[in-house]
Amino acid sequence: MGNNVPTWNGTEKKWARIYRRQAWEDQNGKCYWCGNDVPEDEATADHLHEYAKGGKAMRGNIVMACERCNNERSNPPKYKE
């Protein structure tokens, strides 16, 4: 089995940086999930439709989140059986 995670090319990385900045500005420097202020240099990019599941690095799919919220979304709690 191979790794099915898409890879980034140089053009995608360039546009992702632009979309990050636009998202941060559109959100007035606030975390998309909790609404707390987050400095631009501490904000993390979060894909609404996960990149690993086919989501694109494009405006409308990238939101800025604080590190805590982004980590919570990427590590959902495990259900007890």
PDB file of N, CA and C in Angstrom:
ATOM      1  N   MET A   1       0.830  -1.193   0.000  1.00  0.00           N
ATOM      2  CA  MET A   1       0.000   0.000   0.000  1.00  0.00           C
ATOM      3  C   MET A   1       0.866   1.244   0.000  1.00  0.00           C
ATOM      4  N   GLY A   2       0.508   2.192  -0.818  1.00  0.00           N
ATOM      5  CA  GLY A   2       1.256   3.441  -0.881  1.00  0.00           C
ATOM      6  C   GLY A   2       0.639   4.506  -0.005  1.00  0.00           C
ATOM      7  N   ASN A   3       1.340   5.591   0.109  1.00  0.00           N
ATOM      8  CA  ASN A   3       0.846   6.732   0.859  1.00  0.00           C
ATOM      9  C   ASN A   3      -0.068   7.530  -0.057  1.00  0.00           C
ATOM     10  N   ASN A   4      -1.328   7.693   0.317  1.00  0.00           N
ATOM     11  CA  ASN A   4      -2.300   8.386  -0.526  1.00  0.00           C
ATOM     12  C   ASN A   4      -2.413   9.872  -0.223  1.00  0.00           C
ATOM     13  N   VAL A   5      -1.546  10.396   0.619  1.00  0.00           N
ATOM     14  CA  VAL A   5      -1.587  11.820   0.944  1.00  0.00           C
ATOM     15  C   VAL A   5      -1.033  12.607  -0.241  1.00  0.00           C
ATOM     16  N   PRO A   6      -1.806  13.588  -0.746  1.00  0.00           N
ATOM     17  CA  PRO A   6      -1.313  14.381  -1.881  1.00  0.00           C
ATOM     18  C   PRO A   6      -0.050  15.148  -1.519  1.00  0.00           C
ATOM     19  N   THR A   7       0.778  15.395  -2.510  1.00  0.00           N
ATOM     20  CA  THR A   7       1.989  16.177  -2.289  1.00  0.00           C
ATOM     21  C   THR A   7       1.770  17.596  -2.799  1.00  0.00           C
ATOM     22  N   TRP A   8       2.533  18.521  -2.263  1.00  0.00           N
ATOM     23  CA  TRP A   8       2.439  19.928  -2.647  1.00  0.00           C
ATOM     24  C   TRP A   8       3.498  20.242  -3.675  1.00  0.00           C
ATOM     25  N   ASN A   9       3.124  21.002  -4.688  1.00  0.00           N
ATOM     26  CA  ASN A   9       4.140  21.496  -5.617  1.00  0.00           C
ATOM     27  C   ASN A   9       4.401  22.972  -5.306  1.00  0.00           C
ATOM     28  N   GLY A  10       5.386  23.543  -5.946  1.00  0.00           N
ATOM     29  CA  GLY A  10       5.783  24.921  -5.662  1.00  0.00           C
ATOM     30  C   GLY A  10       4.672  25.937  -5.858  1.00  0.00           C
ATOM     31  N   THR A  11       3.860  25.770  -6.896  1.00  0.00           N
ATOM     32  CA  THR A  11       2.773  26.711  -7.163  1.00  0.00           C
ATOM     33  C   THR A  11       1.723  26.645  -6.063  1.00  0.00           C
ATOM     34  N   GLU A  12       1.391  25.427  -5.618  1.00  0.00           N
ATOM     35  CA  GLU A  12       0.408  25.287  -4.539  1.00  0.00           C
ATOM     36  C   GLU A  12       0.899  25.960  -3.266  1.00  0.00           C
ATOM     37  N   LYS A  13       2.179  25.818  -2.954  1.00  0.00           N
ATOM     38  CA  LYS A  13       2.736  26.435  -1.748  1.00  0.00           C
ATOM     39  C   LYS A  13       2.630  27.950  -1.827  1.00  0.00           C
ATOM     40  N   LYS A  14       2.917  28.511  -3.006  1.00  0.00           N
ATOM     41  CA  LYS A  14       2.828  29.961  -3.179  1.00  0.00           C
ATOM     42  C   LYS A  14       1.395  30.429  -2.932  1.00  0.00           C
ATOM     43  N   TRP A  15       0.426  29.774  -3.539  1.00  0.00           N
ATOM     44  CA  TRP A  15      -0.965  30.175  -3.372  1.00  0.00           C
ATOM     45  C   TRP A  15      -1.452  29.920  -1.957  1.00  0.00           C
ATOM     46  N   ALA A  16      -0.983  28.857  -1.323  1.00  0.00           N
ATOM     47  CA  ALA A  16      -1.384  28.580   0.056  1.00  0.00           C
ATOM     48  C   ALA A  16      -0.966  29.729   0.968  1.00  0.00           C
ATOM     49  N   ARG A  17       0.232  30.295   0.765  1.00  0.00           N
ATOM     50  CA  ARG A  17       0.677  31.440   1.574  1.00  0.00           C
ATOM     51  C   ARG A  17      -0.253  32.634   1.360  1.00  0.00           C
ATOM     52  N   ILE A  18      -0.641  32.860   0.126  1.00  0.00           N
ATOM     53  CA  ILE A  18      -1.543  33.975  -0.181  1.00  0.00           C
ATOM     54  C   ILE A  18      -2.898  33.745   0.469  1.00  0.00           C
ATOM     55  N   TYR A  19      -3.430  32.520   0.370  1.00  0.00           N
ATOM     56  CA  TYR A  19      -4.738  32.214   0.951  1.00  0.00           C
ATOM     57  C   TYR A  19      -4.709  32.300   2.472  1.00  0.00           C
ATOM     58  N   ARG A  20      -3.579  31.906   3.079  1.00  0.00           N
ATOM     59  CA  ARG A  20      -3.440  32.028   4.540  1.00  0.00           C
ATOM     60  C   ARG A  20      -3.605  33.490   4.956  1.00  0.00           C
ATOM     61  N   ARG A  21      -2.891  34.365   4.263  1.00  0.00           N
ATOM     62  CA  ARG A  21      -2.940  35.795   4.593  1.00  0.00           C
ATOM     63  C   ARG A  21      -4.356  36.340   4.399  1.00  0.00           C
ATOM     64  N   GLN A  22      -4.990  35.985   3.285  1.00  0.00           N
ATOM     65  CA  GLN A  22      -6.350  36.452   3.015  1.00  0.00           C
ATOM     66  C   GLN A  22      -7.327  35.941   4.077  1.00  0.00           C
ATOM     67  N   ALA A  23      -7.186  34.680   4.455  1.00  0.00           N
ATOM     68  CA  ALA A  23      -8.087  34.106   5.468  1.00  0.00           C
ATOM     69  C   ALA A  23      -7.915  34.830   6.796  1.00  0.00           C
ATOM     70  N   TRP A  24      -6.661  35.075   7.190  1.00  0.00           N
ATOM     71  CA  TRP A  24      -6.402  35.757   8.458  1.00  0.00           C
ATOM     72  C   TRP A  24      -7.025  37.156   8.438  1.00  0.00           C
ATOM     73  N   GLU A  25      -6.872  37.861   7.312  1.00  0.00           N
ATOM     74  CA  GLU A  25      -7.455  39.198   7.188  1.00  0.00           C
ATOM     75  C   GLU A  25      -8.981  39.130   7.182  1.00  0.00           C
ATOM     76  N   ASP A  26      -9.545  38.179   6.437  1.00  0.00           N
ATOM     77  CA  ASP A  26     -11.007  38.021   6.379  1.00  0.00           C
ATOM     78  C   ASP A  26     -11.600  37.732   7.755  1.00  0.00           C
ATOM     79  N   GLN A  27     -10.847  37.028   8.583  1.00  0.00           N
ATOM     80  CA  GLN A  27     -11.316  36.655   9.921  1.00  0.00           C
ATOM     81  C   GLN A  27     -10.939  37.690  10.979  1.00  0.00           C
ATOM     82  N   ASN A  28     -10.405  38.822  10.547  1.00  0.00           N
ATOM     83  CA  ASN A  28     -10.013  39.907  11.453  1.00  0.00           C
ATOM     84  C   ASN A  28      -9.068  39.430  12.550  1.00  0.00           C
ATOM     85  N   GLY A  29      -8.162  38.521  12.194  1.00  0.00           N
ATOM     86  CA  GLY A  29      -7.157  38.052  13.144  1.00  0.00           C
ATOM     87  C   GLY A  29      -7.707  37.169  14.247  1.00  0.00           C
ATOM     88  N   LYS A  30      -8.850  36.538  13.988  1.00  0.00           N
ATOM     89  CA  LYS A  30      -9.468  35.680  14.994  1.00  0.00           C
ATOM     90  C   LYS A  30      -9.465  34.219  14.535  1.00  0.00           C
ATOM     91  N   CYS A  31      -9.394  33.318  15.517  1.00  0.00           N
ATOM     92  CA  CYS A  31      -9.479  31.892  15.230  1.00  0.00           C
ATOM     93  C   CYS A  31     -10.854  31.578  14.656  1.00  0.00           C
ATOM     94  N   TYR A  32     -10.902  30.825  13.593  1.00  0.00           N
ATOM     95  CA  TYR A  32     -12.164  30.452  12.941  1.00  0.00           C
ATOM     96  C   TYR A  32     -13.055  29.665  13.895  1.00  0.00           C
ATOM     97  N   TRP A  33     -12.475  28.837  14.761  1.00  0.00           N
ATOM     98  CA  TRP A  33     -13.248  27.912  15.598  1.00  0.00           C
ATOM     99  C   TRP A  33     -13.668  28.523  16.931  1.00  0.00           C
ATOM    100  N   CYS A  34     -12.770  29.170  17.659  1.00  0.00           N
ATOM    101  CA  CYS A  34     -13.114  29.678  18.998  1.00  0.00           C
ATOM    102  C   CYS A  34     -13.352  31.182  19.026  1.00  0.00           C
ATOM    103  N   GLY A  35     -12.900  31.904  18.002  1.00  0.00           N
ATOM    104  CA  GLY A  35     -13.105  33.346  17.937  1.00  0.00           C
ATOM    105  C   GLY A  35     -12.106  34.178  18.712  1.00  0.00           C
ATOM    106  N   ASN A  36     -11.135  33.532  19.339  1.00  0.00           N
ATOM    107  CA  ASN A  36     -10.106  34.287  20.079  1.00  0.00           C
ATOM    108  C   ASN A  36      -9.140  34.955  19.113  1.00  0.00           C
ATOM    109  N   ASP A  37      -8.569  36.087  19.553  1.00  0.00           N
ATOM    110  CA  ASP A  37      -7.539  36.759  18.764  1.00  0.00           C
ATOM    111  C   ASP A  37      -6.345  35.831  18.614  1.00  0.00           C
ATOM    112  N   VAL A  38      -5.772  35.802  17.418  1.00  0.00           N
ATOM    113  CA  VAL A  38      -4.567  35.006  17.179  1.00  0.00           C
ATOM    114  C   VAL A  38      -3.646  35.823  16.271  1.00  0.00           C
ATOM    115  N   PRO A  39      -2.433  36.132  16.752  1.00  0.00           N
ATOM    116  CA  PRO A  39      -1.489  36.887  15.923  1.00  0.00           C
ATOM    117  C   PRO A  39      -1.192  36.115  14.631  1.00  0.00           C
ATOM    118  N   GLU A  40      -0.979  36.845  13.555  1.00  0.00           N
ATOM    119  CA  GLU A  40      -0.762  36.196  12.256  1.00  0.00           C
ATOM    120  C   GLU A  40       0.379  35.183  12.302  1.00  0.00           C
ATOM    121  N   ASP A  41       1.454  35.520  13.002  1.00  0.00           N
ATOM    122  CA  ASP A  41       2.595  34.608  13.028  1.00  0.00           C
ATOM    123  C   ASP A  41       2.367  33.376  13.916  1.00  0.00           C
ATOM    124  N   GLU A  42       1.270  33.355  14.679  1.00  0.00           N
ATOM    125  CA  GLU A  42       0.934  32.192  15.504  1.00  0.00           C
ATOM    126  C   GLU A  42      -0.258  31.416  14.948  1.00  0.00           C
ATOM    127  N   ALA A  43      -0.937  31.983  13.963  1.00  0.00           N
ATOM    128  CA  ALA A  43      -2.107  31.328  13.386  1.00  0.00           C
ATOM    129  C   ALA A  43      -1.675  30.125  12.546  1.00  0.00           C
ATOM    130  N   THR A  44      -2.483  29.079  12.605  1.00  0.00           N
ATOM    131  CA  THR A  44      -2.210  27.885  11.808  1.00  0.00           C
ATOM    132  C   THR A  44      -3.307  27.731  10.760  1.00  0.00           C
ATOM    133  N   ALA A  45      -2.930  27.260   9.587  1.00  0.00           N
ATOM    134  CA  ALA A  45      -3.905  27.052   8.522  1.00  0.00           C
ATOM    135  C   ALA A  45      -4.638  25.746   8.770  1.00  0.00           C
ATOM    136  N   ASP A  46      -5.941  25.784   8.584  1.00  0.00           N
ATOM    137  CA  ASP A  46      -6.769  24.599   8.751  1.00  0.00           C
ATOM    138  C   ASP A  46      -7.627  24.469   7.502  1.00  0.00           C
ATOM    139  N   HIS A  47      -7.689  23.286   6.957  1.00  0.00           N
ATOM    140  CA  HIS A  47      -8.530  23.037   5.784  1.00  0.00           C
ATOM    141  C   HIS A  47      -9.907  22.592   6.257  1.00  0.00           C
ATOM    142  N   LEU A  48     -10.959  23.236   5.767  1.00  0.00           N
ATOM    143  CA  LEU A  48     -12.309  22.813   6.113  1.00  0.00           C
ATOM    144  C   LEU A  48     -12.560  21.405   5.575  1.00  0.00           C
ATOM    145  N   HIS A  49     -12.210  21.174   4.333  1.00  0.00           N
ATOM    146  CA  HIS A  49     -12.228  19.830   3.746  1.00  0.00           C
ATOM    147  C   HIS A  49     -10.776  19.381   3.740  1.00  0.00           C
ATOM    148  N   GLU A  50     -10.455  18.385   4.550  1.00  0.00           N
ATOM    149  CA  GLU A  50      -9.072  17.999   4.797  1.00  0.00           C
ATOM    150  C   GLU A  50      -8.265  17.749   3.524  1.00  0.00           C
ATOM    151  N   TYR A  51      -7.061  18.288   3.522  1.00  0.00           N
ATOM    152  CA  TYR A  51      -6.156  18.126   2.375  1.00  0.00           C
ATOM    153  C   TYR A  51      -5.874  16.652   2.115  1.00  0.00           C
ATOM    154  N   ALA A  52      -5.678  15.886   3.169  1.00  0.00           N
ATOM    155  CA  ALA A  52      -5.372  14.456   3.028  1.00  0.00           C
ATOM    156  C   ALA A  52      -6.548  13.668   2.449  1.00  0.00           C
ATOM    157  N   LYS A  53      -7.740  14.269   2.495  1.00  0.00           N
ATOM    158  CA  LYS A  53      -8.925  13.590   1.957  1.00  0.00           C
ATOM    159  C   LYS A  53      -9.407  14.256   0.674  1.00  0.00           C
ATOM    160  N   GLY A  54      -8.503  14.948   0.002  1.00  0.00           N
ATOM    161  CA  GLY A  54      -8.848  15.532  -1.292  1.00  0.00           C
ATOM    162  C   GLY A  54      -9.187  17.006  -1.287  1.00  0.00           C
ATOM    163  N   GLY A  55      -9.181  17.644  -0.118  1.00  0.00           N
ATOM    164  CA  GLY A  55      -9.450  19.072  -0.060  1.00  0.00           C
ATOM    165  C   GLY A  55      -8.329  19.853  -0.723  1.00  0.00           C
ATOM    166  N   LYS A  56      -8.657  20.959  -1.301  1.00  0.00           N
ATOM    167  CA  LYS A  56      -7.675  21.766  -2.021  1.00  0.00           C
ATOM    168  C   LYS A  56      -7.171  22.923  -1.166  1.00  0.00           C
ATOM    169  N   ALA A  57      -5.957  23.336  -1.449  1.00  0.00           N
ATOM    170  CA  ALA A  57      -5.388  24.529  -0.814  1.00  0.00           C
ATOM    171  C   ALA A  57      -5.868  25.727  -1.624  1.00  0.00           C
ATOM    172  N   MET A  58      -7.096  26.153  -1.343  1.00  0.00           N
ATOM    173  CA  MET A  58      -7.685  27.242  -2.101  1.00  0.00           C
ATOM    174  C   MET A  58      -8.531  28.107  -1.173  1.00  0.00           C
ATOM    175  N   ARG A  59      -8.704  29.340  -1.597  1.00  0.00           N
ATOM    176  CA  ARG A  59      -9.529  30.256  -0.812  1.00  0.00           C
ATOM    177  C   ARG A  59     -10.912  29.643  -0.634  1.00  0.00           C
ATOM    178  N   GLY A  60     -11.435  29.748   0.545  1.00  0.00           N
ATOM    179  CA  GLY A  60     -12.728  29.150   0.841  1.00  0.00           C
ATOM    180  C   GLY A  60     -12.582  27.802   1.542  1.00  0.00           C
ATOM    181  N   ASN A  61     -11.435  27.155   1.358  1.00  0.00           N
ATOM    182  CA  ASN A  61     -11.200  25.892   2.055  1.00  0.00           C
ATOM    183  C   ASN A  61     -10.153  26.061   3.157  1.00  0.00           C
ATOM    184  N   ILE A  62      -9.478  27.198   3.195  1.00  0.00           N
ATOM    185  CA  ILE A  62      -8.469  27.445   4.219  1.00  0.00           C
ATOM    186  C   ILE A  62      -8.998  28.485   5.199  1.00  0.00           C
ATOM    187  N   VAL A  63      -8.948  28.137   6.481  1.00  0.00           N
ATOM    188  CA  VAL A  63      -9.285  29.076   7.544  1.00  0.00           C
ATOM    189  C   VAL A  63      -8.105  29.118   8.501  1.00  0.00           C
ATOM    190  N   MET A  64      -8.020  30.182   9.276  1.00  0.00           N
ATOM    191  CA  MET A  64      -6.941  30.311  10.242  1.00  0.00           C
ATOM    192  C   MET A  64      -7.473  29.961  11.621  1.00  0.00           C
ATOM    193  N   ALA A  65      -6.665  29.206  12.352  1.00  0.00           N
ATOM    194  CA  ALA A  65      -7.075  28.747  13.673  1.00  0.00           C
ATOM    195  C   ALA A  65      -5.924  28.923  14.655  1.00  0.00           C
ATOM    196  N   CYS A  66      -6.282  29.017  15.928  1.00  0.00           N
ATOM    197  CA  CYS A  66      -5.230  29.000  16.946  1.00  0.00           C
ATOM    198  C   CYS A  66      -4.702  27.563  17.006  1.00  0.00           C
ATOM    199  N   GLU A  67      -3.513  27.420  17.528  1.00  0.00           N
ATOM    200  CA  GLU A  67      -2.880  26.097  17.557  1.00  0.00           C
ATOM    201  C   GLU A  67      -3.720  25.087  18.337  1.00  0.00           C
ATOM    202  N   ARG A  68      -4.305  25.521  19.442  1.00  0.00           N
ATOM    203  CA  ARG A  68      -5.114  24.605  20.264  1.00  0.00           C
ATOM    204  C   ARG A  68      -6.292  24.051  19.475  1.00  0.00           C
ATOM    205  N   CYS A  69      -7.048  24.918  18.808  1.00  0.00           N
ATOM    206  CA  CYS A  69      -8.215  24.461  18.047  1.00  0.00           C
ATOM    207  C   CYS A  69      -7.804  23.567  16.880  1.00  0.00           C
ATOM    208  N   ASN A  70      -6.733  23.940  16.184  1.00  0.00           N
ATOM    209  CA  ASN A  70      -6.285  23.139  15.054  1.00  0.00           C
ATOM    210  C   ASN A  70      -5.853  21.755  15.528  1.00  0.00           C
ATOM    211  N   ASN A  71      -5.137  21.689  16.648  1.00  0.00           N
ATOM    212  CA  ASN A  71      -4.715  20.396  17.179  1.00  0.00           C
ATOM    213  C   ASN A  71      -5.905  19.551  17.617  1.00  0.00           C
ATOM    214  N   GLU A  72      -6.896  20.176  18.221  1.00  0.00           N
ATOM    215  CA  GLU A  72      -8.080  19.429  18.649  1.00  0.00           C
ATOM    216  C   GLU A  72      -8.823  18.851  17.449  1.00  0.00           C
ATOM    217  N   ARG A  73      -8.874  19.590  16.365  1.00  0.00           N
ATOM    218  CA  ARG A  73      -9.565  19.090  15.175  1.00  0.00           C
ATOM    219  C   ARG A  73      -8.791  17.961  14.503  1.00  0.00           C
ATOM    220  N   SER A  74      -7.474  18.022  14.541  1.00  0.00           N
ATOM    221  CA  SER A  74      -6.691  16.998  13.855  1.00  0.00           C
ATOM    222  C   SER A  74      -6.523  15.747  14.704  1.00  0.00           C
ATOM    223  N   ASN A  75      -6.842  15.826  15.987  1.00  0.00           N
ATOM    224  CA  ASN A  75      -6.734  14.675  16.882  1.00  0.00           C
ATOM    225  C   ASN A  75      -8.063  14.467  17.603  1.00  0.00           C
ATOM    226  N   PRO A  76      -9.082  13.960  16.883  1.00  0.00           N
ATOM    227  CA  PRO A  76     -10.385  13.799  17.531  1.00  0.00           C
ATOM    228  C   PRO A  76     -10.288  12.820  18.700  1.00  0.00           C
ATOM    229  N   PRO A  77     -11.123  13.024  19.723  1.00  0.00           N
ATOM    230  CA  PRO A  77     -11.074  12.129  20.878  1.00  0.00           C
ATOM    231  C   PRO A  77     -11.446  10.705  20.477  1.00  0.00           C
ATOM    232  N   LYS A  78     -10.823   9.762  21.117  1.00  0.00           N
ATOM    233  CA  LYS A  78     -11.119   8.349  20.873  1.00  0.00           C
ATOM    234  C   LYS A  78     -12.344   7.966  21.691  1.00  0.00           C
ATOM    235  N   TYR A  79     -13.221   7.189  21.085  1.00  0.00           N
ATOM    236  CA  TYR A  79     -14.404   6.718  21.795  1.00  0.00           C
ATOM    237  C   TYR A  79     -14.057   5.496  22.622  1.00  0.00           C
ATOM    238  N   LYS A  80     -14.573   5.455  23.833  1.00  0.00           N
ATOM    239  CA  LYS A  80     -14.365   4.279  24.688  1.00  0.00           C
ATOM    240  C   LYS A  80     -15.382   3.221  24.281  1.00  0.00           C
ATOM    241  N   GLU A  81     -14.912   1.982  24.281  1.00  0.00           N
ATOM    242  CA  GLU A  81     -15.828   0.894  23.933  1.00  0.00           C
ATOM    243  C   GLU A  81     -16.348   0.224  25.172  1.00  0.00           C
TER     244      GLU A  81
END
